[in-house]
Amino acid sequence: MLGDRLTEDDIAQQFNCSRTPVREALRKLEQENLLQVKPGIGMVISNVEIDLLQQELEIRKMLENHSIQKDCEGITKMS
C-alpha cells in the first residue's frame, strides 16, 4: 500500500527467492520514482498520480502501436 515500508527479506520470502533479484527490482522501481529511500526508514512506496500514470500509459500504447505498424510495413516490403 501507499507509504508502506518494504524490505528485501520480506519480499524474497514472499516470492521464495533470493534477495539479489529483489534488490535489482527495487533499484529499478526507485529509478522510476515508484519507490523512495528514506534514511532511517528504508524503502517506501511513492505517491503516484493516477492521471499522470494514465497519460504515460496512453503515450506508451500509441508508441507501441506505431512501432508495430512500422515493423509490419517492413515485413510486407521484404516479402
PDB file of N, CA and C in Angstrom:
ATOM      1  N   MET A   1       0.837  -1.178   0.000  1.00  0.00           N
ATOM      2  CA  MET A   1       0.000   0.000   0.000  1.00  0.00           C
ATOM      3  C   MET A   1       0.885   1.246   0.000  1.00  0.00           C
ATOM      4  N   LEU A   2       0.303   2.362  -0.391  1.00  0.00           N
ATOM      5  CA  LEU A   2       0.997   3.629  -0.443  1.00  0.00           C
ATOM      6  C   LEU A   2       1.633   3.953   0.904  1.00  0.00           C
ATOM      7  N   GLY A   3       2.940   4.255   0.874  1.00  0.00           N
ATOM      8  CA  GLY A   3       3.645   4.626   2.100  1.00  0.00           C
ATOM      9  C   GLY A   3       4.116   3.446   2.933  1.00  0.00           C
ATOM     10  N   ASP A   4       3.766   2.221   2.531  1.00  0.00           N
ATOM     11  CA  ASP A   4       4.198   1.048   3.283  1.00  0.00           C
ATOM     12  C   ASP A   4       5.711   0.873   3.176  1.00  0.00           C
ATOM     13  N   ARG A   5       6.298   0.344   4.221  1.00  0.00           N
ATOM     14  CA  ARG A   5       7.727   0.062   4.254  1.00  0.00           C
ATOM     15  C   ARG A   5       7.973  -1.290   3.597  1.00  0.00           C
ATOM     16  N   LEU A   6       9.009  -1.332   2.752  1.00  0.00           N
ATOM     17  CA  LEU A   6       9.369  -2.571   2.076  1.00  0.00           C
ATOM     18  C   LEU A   6      10.739  -3.037   2.545  1.00  0.00           C
ATOM     19  N   THR A   7      10.906  -4.346   2.695  1.00  0.00           N
ATOM     20  CA  THR A   7      12.229  -4.890   2.981  1.00  0.00           C
ATOM     21  C   THR A   7      12.520  -5.996   1.984  1.00  0.00           C
ATOM     22  N   GLU A   8      13.781  -6.096   1.614  1.00  0.00           N
ATOM     23  CA  GLU A   8      14.198  -7.143   0.677  1.00  0.00           C
ATOM     24  C   GLU A   8      13.866  -8.524   1.234  1.00  0.00           C
ATOM     25  N   ASP A   9      14.117  -8.711   2.512  1.00  0.00           N
ATOM     26  CA  ASP A   9      13.868 -10.017   3.139  1.00  0.00           C
ATOM     27  C   ASP A   9      12.397 -10.423   3.042  1.00  0.00           C
ATOM     28  N   ASP A  10      11.508  -9.504   3.370  1.00  0.00           N
ATOM     29  CA  ASP A  10      10.075  -9.813   3.319  1.00  0.00           C
ATOM     30  C   ASP A  10       9.634 -10.192   1.907  1.00  0.00           C
ATOM     31  N   ILE A  11      10.092  -9.429   0.931  1.00  0.00           N
ATOM     32  CA  ILE A  11       9.700  -9.693  -0.461  1.00  0.00           C
ATOM     33  C   ILE A  11      10.292 -11.014  -0.937  1.00  0.00           C
ATOM     34  N   ALA A  12      11.569 -11.253  -0.617  1.00  0.00           N
ATOM     35  CA  ALA A  12      12.223 -12.502  -1.016  1.00  0.00           C
ATOM     36  C   ALA A  12      11.514 -13.712  -0.406  1.00  0.00           C
ATOM     37  N   GLN A  13      11.119 -13.607   0.850  1.00  0.00           N
ATOM     38  CA  GLN A  13      10.397 -14.711   1.487  1.00  0.00           C
ATOM     39  C   GLN A  13       9.030 -14.921   0.845  1.00  0.00           C
ATOM     40  N   GLN A  14       8.355 -13.828   0.539  1.00  0.00           N
ATOM     41  CA  GLN A  14       7.022 -13.929  -0.058  1.00  0.00           C
ATOM     42  C   GLN A  14       7.075 -14.631  -1.414  1.00  0.00           C
ATOM     43  N   PHE A  15       8.130 -14.359  -2.192  1.00  0.00           N
ATOM     44  CA  PHE A  15       8.240 -14.950  -3.522  1.00  0.00           C
ATOM     45  C   PHE A  15       9.179 -16.152  -3.553  1.00  0.00           C
ATOM     46  N   ASN A  16       9.657 -16.554  -2.383  1.00  0.00           N
ATOM     47  CA  ASN A  16      10.520 -17.720  -2.261  1.00  0.00           C
ATOM     48  C   ASN A  16      11.714 -17.644  -3.212  1.00  0.00           C
ATOM     49  N   CYS A  17      12.454 -16.520  -3.132  1.00  0.00           N
ATOM     50  CA  CYS A  17      13.630 -16.338  -3.976  1.00  0.00           C
ATOM     51  C   CYS A  17      14.725 -15.669  -3.152  1.00  0.00           C
ATOM     52  N   SER A  18      15.890 -15.533  -3.768  1.00  0.00           N
ATOM     53  CA  SER A  18      16.988 -14.864  -3.054  1.00  0.00           C
ATOM     54  C   SER A  18      16.790 -13.353  -3.080  1.00  0.00           C
ATOM     55  N   ARG A  19      17.594 -12.671  -2.283  1.00  0.00           N
ATOM     56  CA  ARG A  19      17.469 -11.217  -2.190  1.00  0.00           C
ATOM     57  C   ARG A  19      18.034 -10.498  -3.411  1.00  0.00           C
ATOM     58  N   THR A  20      18.915 -11.132  -4.167  1.00  0.00           N
ATOM     59  CA  THR A  20      19.565 -10.460  -5.299  1.00  0.00           C
ATOM     60  C   THR A  20      18.572  -9.975  -6.350  1.00  0.00           C
ATOM     61  N   PRO A  21      17.679 -10.825  -6.872  1.00  0.00           N
ATOM     62  CA  PRO A  21      16.718 -10.306  -7.859  1.00  0.00           C
ATOM     63  C   PRO A  21      15.757  -9.279  -7.270  1.00  0.00           C
ATOM     64  N   VAL A  22      15.441  -9.433  -5.996  1.00  0.00           N
ATOM     65  CA  VAL A  22      14.571  -8.468  -5.315  1.00  0.00           C
ATOM     66  C   VAL A  22      15.281  -7.116  -5.240  1.00  0.00           C
ATOM     67  N   ARG A  23      16.548  -7.138  -4.884  1.00  0.00           N
ATOM     68  CA  ARG A  23      17.332  -5.906  -4.785  1.00  0.00           C
ATOM     69  C   ARG A  23      17.377  -5.181  -6.133  1.00  0.00           C
ATOM     70  N   GLU A  24      17.606  -5.933  -7.198  1.00  0.00           N
ATOM     71  CA  GLU A  24      17.656  -5.334  -8.535  1.00  0.00           C
ATOM     72  C   GLU A  24      16.303  -4.746  -8.929  1.00  0.00           C
ATOM     73  N   ALA A  25      15.233  -5.459  -8.633  1.00  0.00           N
ATOM     74  CA  ALA A  25      13.883  -4.962  -8.962  1.00  0.00           C
ATOM     75  C   ALA A  25      13.581  -3.690  -8.177  1.00  0.00           C
ATOM     76  N   LEU A  26      13.957  -3.659  -6.912  1.00  0.00           N
ATOM     77  CA  LEU A  26      13.730  -2.471  -6.090  1.00  0.00           C
ATOM     78  C   LEU A  26      14.524  -1.283  -6.612  1.00  0.00           C
ATOM     79  N   ARG A  27      15.744  -1.519  -7.074  1.00  0.00           N
ATOM     80  CA  ARG A  27      16.549  -0.434  -7.652  1.00  0.00           C
ATOM     81  C   ARG A  27      15.881   0.144  -8.892  1.00  0.00           C
ATOM     82  N   LYS A  28      15.351  -0.735  -9.732  1.00  0.00           N
ATOM     83  CA  LYS A  28      14.664  -0.261 -10.942  1.00  0.00           C
ATOM     84  C   LYS A  28      13.423   0.554 -10.587  1.00  0.00           C
ATOM     85  N   LEU A  29      12.681   0.094  -9.609  1.00  0.00           N
ATOM     86  CA  LEU A  29      11.489   0.832  -9.177  1.00  0.00           C
ATOM     87  C   LEU A  29      11.869   2.183  -8.581  1.00  0.00           C
ATOM     88  N   GLU A  30      13.000   2.228  -7.895  1.00  0.00           N
ATOM     89  CA  GLU A  30      13.465   3.505  -7.350  1.00  0.00           C
ATOM     90  C   GLU A  30      13.865   4.454  -8.486  1.00  0.00           C
ATOM     91  N   GLN A  31      14.526   3.936  -9.513  1.00  0.00           N
ATOM     92  CA  GLN A  31      14.923   4.758 -10.656  1.00  0.00           C
ATOM     93  C   GLN A  31      13.705   5.330 -11.379  1.00  0.00           C
ATOM     94  N   GLU A  32      12.614   4.617 -11.342  1.00  0.00           N
ATOM     95  CA  GLU A  32      11.381   5.078 -11.983  1.00  0.00           C
ATOM     96  C   GLU A  32      10.506   5.881 -11.023  1.00  0.00           C
ATOM     97  N   ASN A  33      11.064   6.214  -9.864  1.00  0.00           N
ATOM     98  CA  ASN A  33      10.380   7.020  -8.839  1.00  0.00           C
ATOM     99  C   ASN A  33       9.109   6.369  -8.308  1.00  0.00           C
ATOM    100  N   LEU A  34       9.049   5.056  -8.344  1.00  0.00           N
ATOM    101  CA  LEU A  34       7.912   4.340  -7.779  1.00  0.00           C
ATOM    102  C   LEU A  34       8.186   3.940  -6.328  1.00  0.00           C
ATOM    103  N   LEU A  35       9.458   3.985  -5.944  1.00  0.00           N
ATOM    104  CA  LEU A  35       9.877   3.751  -4.558  1.00  0.00           C
ATOM    105  C   LEU A  35      10.777   4.893  -4.133  1.00  0.00           C
ATOM    106  N   GLN A  36      10.763   5.190  -2.857  1.00  0.00           N
ATOM    107  CA  GLN A  36      11.657   6.209  -2.301  1.00  0.00           C
ATOM    108  C   GLN A  36      12.463   5.585  -1.175  1.00  0.00           C
ATOM    109  N   VAL A  37      13.737   5.958  -1.111  1.00  0.00           N
ATOM    110  CA  VAL A  37      14.580   5.529   0.002  1.00  0.00           C
ATOM    111  C   VAL A  37      14.581   6.648   1.025  1.00  0.00           C
ATOM    112  N   LYS A  38      14.143   6.330   2.217  1.00  0.00           N
ATOM    113  CA  LYS A  38      14.107   7.316   3.300  1.00  0.00           C
ATOM    114  C   LYS A  38      15.092   6.886   4.374  1.00  0.00           C
ATOM    115  N   PRO A  39      16.085   7.756   4.666  1.00  0.00           N
ATOM    116  CA  PRO A  39      17.083   7.410   5.681  1.00  0.00           C
ATOM    117  C   PRO A  39      16.436   7.051   7.016  1.00  0.00           C
ATOM    118  N   GLY A  40      16.906   5.962   7.583  1.00  0.00           N
ATOM    119  CA  GLY A  40      16.401   5.518   8.873  1.00  0.00           C
ATOM    120  C   GLY A  40      15.095   4.755   8.791  1.00  0.00           C
ATOM    121  N   ILE A  41      14.460   4.776   7.625  1.00  0.00           N
ATOM    122  CA  ILE A  41      13.181   4.082   7.447  1.00  0.00           C
ATOM    123  C   ILE A  41      13.328   2.926   6.459  1.00  0.00           C
ATOM    124  N   GLY A  42      13.956   3.197   5.332  1.00  0.00           N
ATOM    125  CA  GLY A  42      14.105   2.203   4.279  1.00  0.00           C
ATOM    126  C   GLY A  42      13.348   2.631   3.045  1.00  0.00           C
ATOM    127  N   MET A  43      12.921   1.674   2.277  1.00  0.00           N
ATOM    128  CA  MET A  43      12.193   1.968   1.049  1.00  0.00           C
ATOM    129  C   MET A  43      10.698   2.017   1.320  1.00  0.00           C
ATOM    130  N   VAL A  44      10.053   3.038   0.751  1.00  0.00           N
ATOM    131  CA  VAL A  44       8.606   3.166   0.871  1.00  0.00           C
ATOM    132  C   VAL A  44       8.019   3.398  -0.521  1.00  0.00           C
ATOM    133  N   ILE A  45       6.777   2.982  -0.696  1.00  0.00           N
ATOM    134  CA  ILE A  45       6.088   3.144  -1.970  1.00  0.00           C
ATOM    135  C   ILE A  45       5.769   4.621  -2.175  1.00  0.00           C
ATOM    136  N   SER A  46       6.103   5.128  -3.364  1.00  0.00           N
ATOM    137  CA  SER A  46       5.878   6.536  -3.673  1.00  0.00           C
ATOM    138  C   SER A  46       4.413   6.820  -3.949  1.00  0.00           C
ATOM    139  N   ASN A  47       4.068   8.078  -3.784  1.00  0.00           N
ATOM    140  CA  ASN A  47       2.742   8.554  -4.135  1.00  0.00           C
ATOM    141  C   ASN A  47       2.700   8.731  -5.651  1.00  0.00           C
ATOM    142  N   VAL A  48       1.821   8.047  -6.329  1.00  0.00           N
ATOM    143  CA  VAL A  48       1.731   8.094  -7.791  1.00  0.00           C
ATOM    144  C   VAL A  48       0.442   8.799  -8.175  1.00  0.00           C
ATOM    145  N   GLU A  49       0.566   9.789  -9.063  1.00  0.00           N
ATOM    146  CA  GLU A  49      -0.612  10.477  -9.547  1.00  0.00           C
ATOM    147  C   GLU A  49      -1.268   9.630 -10.643  1.00  0.00           C
ATOM    148  N   ILE A  50      -2.487   9.203 -10.407  1.00  0.00           N
ATOM    149  CA  ILE A  50      -3.186   8.316 -11.327  1.00  0.00           C
ATOM    150  C   ILE A  50      -3.357   8.958 -12.696  1.00  0.00           C
ATOM    151  N   ASP A  51      -3.705  10.248 -12.753  1.00  0.00           N
ATOM    152  CA  ASP A  51      -3.889  10.926 -14.037  1.00  0.00           C
ATOM    153  C   ASP A  51      -2.602  10.906 -14.854  1.00  0.00           C
ATOM    154  N   LEU A  52      -1.481  11.182 -14.202  1.00  0.00           N
ATOM    155  CA  LEU A  52      -0.200  11.172 -14.892  1.00  0.00           C
ATOM    156  C   LEU A  52       0.143   9.772 -15.378  1.00  0.00           C
ATOM    157  N   LEU A  53      -0.108   8.782 -14.561  1.00  0.00           N
ATOM    158  CA  LEU A  53       0.144   7.400 -14.935  1.00  0.00           C
ATOM    159  C   LEU A  53      -0.701   6.998 -16.137  1.00  0.00           C
ATOM    160  N   GLN A  54      -1.964   7.389 -16.161  1.00  0.00           N
ATOM    161  CA  GLN A  54      -2.835   7.074 -17.293  1.00  0.00           C
ATOM    162  C   GLN A  54      -2.341   7.750 -18.571  1.00  0.00           C
ATOM    163  N   GLN A  55      -1.863   8.983 -18.461  1.00  0.00           N
ATOM    164  CA  GLN A  55      -1.316   9.679 -19.628  1.00  0.00           C
ATOM    165  C   GLN A  55      -0.080   8.960 -20.149  1.00  0.00           C
ATOM    166  N   GLU A  56       0.793   8.545 -19.258  1.00  0.00           N
ATOM    167  CA  GLU A  56       2.000   7.827 -19.663  1.00  0.00           C
ATOM    168  C   GLU A  56       1.654   6.509 -20.347  1.00  0.00           C
ATOM    169  N   LEU A  57       0.656   5.809 -19.829  1.00  0.00           N
ATOM    170  CA  LEU A  57       0.245   4.547 -20.448  1.00  0.00           C
ATOM    171  C   LEU A  57      -0.350   4.771 -21.835  1.00  0.00           C
ATOM    172  N   GLU A  58      -1.106   5.849 -22.012  1.00  0.00           N
ATOM    173  CA  GLU A  58      -1.674   6.172 -23.327  1.00  0.00           C
ATOM    174  C   GLU A  58      -0.569   6.484 -24.330  1.00  0.00           C
ATOM    175  N   ILE A  59       0.429   7.241 -23.908  1.00  0.00           N
ATOM    176  CA  ILE A  59       1.557   7.565 -24.786  1.00  0.00           C
ATOM    177  C   ILE A  59       2.303   6.298 -25.161  1.00  0.00           C
ATOM    178  N   ARG A  60       2.543   5.449 -24.182  1.00  0.00           N
ATOM    179  CA  ARG A  60       3.245   4.184 -24.459  1.00  0.00           C
ATOM    180  C   ARG A  60       2.455   3.323 -25.440  1.00  0.00           C
ATOM    181  N   LYS A  61       1.151   3.277 -25.260  1.00  0.00           N
ATOM    182  CA  LYS A  61       0.284   2.497 -26.141  1.00  0.00           C
ATOM    183  C   LYS A  61       0.386   3.019 -27.578  1.00  0.00           C
ATOM    184  N   MET A  62       0.362   4.343 -27.743  1.00  0.00           N
ATOM    185  CA  MET A  62       0.462   4.925 -29.090  1.00  0.00           C
ATOM    186  C   MET A  62       1.823   4.624 -29.711  1.00  0.00           C
ATOM    187  N   LEU A  63       2.904   4.745 -28.921  1.00  0.00           N
ATOM    188  CA  LEU A  63       4.240   4.464 -29.431  1.00  0.00           C
ATOM    189  C   LEU A  63       4.404   2.995 -29.820  1.00  0.00           C
ATOM    190  N   GLU A  64       3.871   2.103 -29.004  1.00  0.00           N
ATOM    191  CA  GLU A  64       3.967   0.680 -29.313  1.00  0.00           C
ATOM    192  C   GLU A  64       3.171   0.335 -30.570  1.00  0.00           C
ATOM    193  N   ASN A  65       1.978   0.910 -30.714  1.00  0.00           N
ATOM    194  CA  ASN A  65       1.179   0.671 -31.916  1.00  0.00           C
ATOM    195  C   ASN A  65       1.900   1.178 -33.159  1.00  0.00           C
ATOM    196  N   HIS A  66       2.494   2.356 -33.061  1.00  0.00           N
ATOM    197  CA  HIS A  66       3.241   2.923 -34.188  1.00  0.00           C
ATOM    198  C   HIS A  66       4.413   2.021 -34.553  1.00  0.00           C
ATOM    199  N   SER A  67       5.128   1.548 -33.537  1.00  0.00           N
ATOM    200  CA  SER A  67       6.267   0.673 -33.763  1.00  0.00           C
ATOM    201  C   SER A  67       5.848  -0.628 -34.447  1.00  0.00           C
ATOM    202  N   ILE A  68       4.747  -1.201 -34.004  1.00  0.00           N
ATOM    203  CA  ILE A  68       4.241  -2.443 -34.614  1.00  0.00           C
ATOM    204  C   ILE A  68       3.862  -2.206 -36.071  1.00  0.00           C
ATOM    205  N   GLN A  69       3.196  -1.075 -36.344  1.00  0.00           N
ATOM    206  CA  GLN A  69       2.817  -0.758 -37.726  1.00  0.00           C
ATOM    207  C   GLN A  69       4.053  -0.633 -38.610  1.00  0.00           C
ATOM    208  N   LYS A  70       5.076   0.041 -38.138  1.00  0.00           N
ATOM    209  CA  LYS A  70       6.313   0.206 -38.912  1.00  0.00           C
ATOM    210  C   LYS A  70       6.989  -1.138 -39.158  1.00  0.00           C
ATOM    211  N   ASP A  71       7.008  -1.975 -38.133  1.00  0.00           N
ATOM    212  CA  ASP A  71       7.602  -3.304 -38.290  1.00  0.00           C
ATOM    213  C   ASP A  71       6.834  -4.124 -39.310  1.00  0.00           C
ATOM    214  N   CYS A  72       5.517  -4.062 -39.272  1.00  0.00           N
ATOM    215  CA  CYS A  72       4.696  -4.811 -40.221  1.00  0.00           C
ATOM    216  C   CYS A  72       4.903  -4.299 -41.645  1.00  0.00           C
ATOM    217  N   GLU A  73       5.059  -3.001 -41.814  1.00  0.00           N
ATOM    218  CA  GLU A  73       5.333  -2.439 -43.147  1.00  0.00           C
ATOM    219  C   GLU A  73       6.659  -2.972 -43.678  1.00  0.00           C
ATOM    220  N   GLY A  74       7.658  -3.075 -42.789  1.00  0.00           N
ATOM    221  CA  GLY A  74       8.953  -3.598 -43.182  1.00  0.00           C
ATOM    222  C   GLY A  74       8.886  -5.053 -43.583  1.00  0.00           C
ATOM    223  N   ILE A  75       8.091  -5.827 -42.879  1.00  0.00           N
ATOM    224  CA  ILE A  75       7.924  -7.255 -43.219  1.00  0.00           C
ATOM    225  C   ILE A  75       7.259  -7.396 -44.567  1.00  0.00           C
ATOM    226  N   THR A  76       6.212  -6.581 -44.811  1.00  0.00           N
ATOM    227  CA  THR A  76       5.478  -6.642 -46.069  1.00  0.00           C
ATOM    228  C   THR A  76       6.397  -6.285 -47.242  1.00  0.00           C
ATOM    229  N   LYS A  77       7.243  -5.281 -47.088  1.00  0.00           N
ATOM    230  CA  LYS A  77       8.151  -4.858 -48.147  1.00  0.00           C
ATOM    231  C   LYS A  77       9.201  -5.926 -48.436  1.00  0.00           C
ATOM    232  N   MET A  78       9.588  -6.698 -47.407  1.00  0.00           N
ATOM    233  CA  MET A  78      10.606  -7.739 -47.584  1.00  0.00           C
ATOM    234  C   MET A  78      10.046  -8.957 -48.283  1.00  0.00           C
ATOM    235  N   SER A  79       8.748  -9.180 -48.202  1.00  0.00           N
ATOM    236  CA  SER A  79       8.139 -10.403 -48.761  1.00  0.00           C
ATOM    237  C   SER A  79       8.093 -10.413 -50.251  1.00  0.00           C
TER     238      SER A  79
END
